[in-house]
Amino acid sequence: METNIATVTAKGQITIPKAIRQALGIQQKDRFLFVVEGEQMVVKPLRHRPLGELAHCQPLNRIPAMRQSAKPSSGNSENV
């Protein structure tokens, strides 16, 4: 297990030690998720874009059309 100590700056920033950056393949502009579990902080690299960012990728005017095409049939056997 790799362990290192980092100090929080006046701006609340922490430098991830080089050995950890290299071991995890962390690069400039990578994003992280911070999770508080009890009295511990877990930091997880985000390998994919967060769902909140993806919400703006699909034009809003296409969503209702997608819902209409997914309507279940009326149960009438003539439609089968």
C-alpha atoms as a PDB file:
ATOM      1  CA  MET A   1       0.000   0.000   0.000  1.00  0.00           C
ATOM      2  CA  GLU A   2       1.364   3.412  -0.971  1.00  0.00           C
ATOM      3  CA  THR A   3       1.171   6.058   1.771  1.00  0.00           C
ATOM      4  CA  ASN A   4       2.194   9.712   1.687  1.00  0.00           C
ATOM      5  CA  ILE A   5       1.461  12.852   3.665  1.00  0.00           C
ATOM      6  CA  ALA A   6       0.217  16.097   2.111  1.00  0.00           C
ATOM      7  CA  THR A   7      -0.478  19.483   3.685  1.00  0.00           C
ATOM      8  CA  VAL A   8      -3.528  21.629   2.967  1.00  0.00           C
ATOM      9  CA  THR A   9      -2.614  25.103   1.674  1.00  0.00           C
ATOM     10  CA  ALA A  10      -4.273  28.368   2.728  1.00  0.00           C
ATOM     11  CA  LYS A  11      -6.544  27.979  -0.342  1.00  0.00           C
ATOM     12  CA  GLY A  12      -7.635  24.484   0.735  1.00  0.00           C
ATOM     13  CA  GLN A  13      -5.539  22.723  -1.909  1.00  0.00           C
ATOM     14  CA  ILE A  14      -3.558  19.498  -1.563  1.00  0.00           C
ATOM     15  CA  THR A  15      -0.838  18.311  -3.916  1.00  0.00           C
ATOM     16  CA  ILE A  16      -1.184  14.643  -4.788  1.00  0.00           C
ATOM     17  CA  PRO A  17       2.286  13.125  -4.334  1.00  0.00           C
ATOM     18  CA  LYS A  18       4.064  12.224  -7.588  1.00  0.00           C
ATOM     19  CA  ALA A  19       4.303   8.510  -6.737  1.00  0.00           C
ATOM     20  CA  ILE A  20       0.514   8.322  -6.299  1.00  0.00           C
ATOM     21  CA  ARG A  21      -0.167  10.348  -9.487  1.00  0.00           C
ATOM     22  CA  GLN A  22       2.056   7.972 -11.446  1.00  0.00           C
ATOM     23  CA  ALA A  23       0.610   4.821  -9.865  1.00  0.00           C
ATOM     24  CA  LEU A  24      -2.960   5.893 -10.704  1.00  0.00           C
ATOM     25  CA  GLY A  25      -2.201   7.577 -14.032  1.00  0.00           C
ATOM     26  CA  ILE A  26      -3.491  10.925 -12.779  1.00  0.00           C
ATOM     27  CA  GLN A  27      -2.980  13.783 -15.222  1.00  0.00           C
ATOM     28  CA  GLN A  28      -3.571  17.527 -15.247  1.00  0.00           C
ATOM     29  CA  LYS A  29      -7.292  18.436 -15.438  1.00  0.00           C
ATOM     30  CA  ASP A  30      -8.436  15.019 -14.107  1.00  0.00           C
ATOM     31  CA  ARG A  31     -11.477  15.255 -11.841  1.00  0.00           C
ATOM     32  CA  PHE A  32     -12.159  13.575  -8.510  1.00  0.00           C
ATOM     33  CA  LEU A  33     -15.108  12.627  -6.349  1.00  0.00           C
ATOM     34  CA  PHE A  34     -14.773  13.344  -2.610  1.00  0.00           C
ATOM     35  CA  VAL A  35     -16.797  11.107  -0.289  1.00  0.00           C
ATOM     36  CA  VAL A  36     -17.022  11.410   3.506  1.00  0.00           C
ATOM     37  CA  GLU A  37     -17.365   8.039   5.215  1.00  0.00           C
ATOM     38  CA  GLY A  38     -17.612   8.513   8.953  1.00  0.00           C
ATOM     39  CA  GLU A  39     -14.457  10.380   9.904  1.00  0.00           C
ATOM     40  CA  GLN A  40     -12.598   9.475   6.705  1.00  0.00           C
ATOM     41  CA  MET A  41     -12.415  11.148   3.318  1.00  0.00           C
ATOM     42  CA  VAL A  42     -12.261   8.933   0.244  1.00  0.00           C
ATOM     43  CA  VAL A  43     -11.000  10.500  -2.987  1.00  0.00           C
ATOM     44  CA  LYS A  44     -11.891   8.664  -6.198  1.00  0.00           C
ATOM     45  CA  PRO A  45     -10.677   9.590  -9.682  1.00  0.00           C
ATOM     46  CA  LEU A  46     -13.551  10.138 -12.107  1.00  0.00           C
ATOM     47  CA  ARG A  47     -12.807   8.143 -15.229  1.00  0.00           C
ATOM     48  CA  HIS A  48     -15.989   9.291 -16.966  1.00  0.00           C
ATOM     49  CA  ARG A  49     -17.922  12.519 -17.109  1.00  0.00           C
ATOM     50  CA  PRO A  50     -20.380  13.004 -14.233  1.00  0.00           C
ATOM     51  CA  LEU A  51     -24.053  12.463 -15.091  1.00  0.00           C
ATOM     52  CA  GLY A  52     -24.780  16.145 -14.407  1.00  0.00           C
ATOM     53  CA  GLU A  53     -22.526  17.139 -17.306  1.00  0.00           C
ATOM     54  CA  LEU A  54     -24.096  14.580 -19.636  1.00  0.00           C
ATOM     55  CA  ALA A  55     -27.606  15.914 -19.015  1.00  0.00           C
ATOM     56  CA  HIS A  56     -26.884  18.789 -21.384  1.00  0.00           C
ATOM     57  CA  CYS A  57     -25.719  16.562 -24.258  1.00  0.00           C
ATOM     58  CA  GLN A  58     -29.184  15.445 -25.348  1.00  0.00           C
ATOM     59  CA  PRO A  59     -31.378  18.220 -26.816  1.00  0.00           C
ATOM     60  CA  LEU A  60     -34.421  18.615 -24.579  1.00  0.00           C
ATOM     61  CA  ASN A  61     -36.840  18.715 -27.535  1.00  0.00           C
ATOM     62  CA  ARG A  62     -35.973  15.072 -28.425  1.00  0.00           C
ATOM     63  CA  ILE A  63     -36.802  13.563 -25.039  1.00  0.00           C
ATOM     64  CA  PRO A  64     -40.654  13.679 -25.400  1.00  0.00           C
ATOM     65  CA  ALA A  65     -40.422  12.030 -28.847  1.00  0.00           C
ATOM     66  CA  MET A  66     -38.422   9.193 -27.342  1.00  0.00           C
ATOM     67  CA  ARG A  67     -41.032   8.684 -24.623  1.00  0.00           C
ATOM     68  CA  GLN A  68     -43.888   8.551 -27.155  1.00  0.00           C
ATOM     69  CA  SER A  69     -42.204   5.787 -29.154  1.00  0.00           C
ATOM     70  CA  ALA A  70     -41.844   3.701 -25.987  1.00  0.00           C
ATOM     71  CA  LYS A  71     -45.586   3.664 -25.156  1.00  0.00           C
ATOM     72  CA  PRO A  72     -46.918   0.133 -24.552  1.00  0.00           C
ATOM     73  CA  SER A  73     -49.496  -1.236 -26.952  1.00  0.00           C
ATOM     74  CA  SER A  74     -53.151  -1.086 -25.935  1.00  0.00           C
ATOM     75  CA  GLY A  75     -53.272  -4.870 -25.556  1.00  0.00           C
ATOM     76  CA  ASN A  76     -55.353  -5.234 -28.726  1.00  0.00           C
ATOM     77  CA  SER A  77     -54.321  -8.463 -30.486  1.00  0.00           C
ATOM     78  CA  GLU A  78     -55.064  -6.939 -33.915  1.00  0.00           C
ATOM     79  CA  ASN A  79     -51.940  -4.762 -33.552  1.00  0.00           C
ATOM     80  CA  VAL A  80     -49.665  -7.810 -33.218  1.00  0.00           C
END
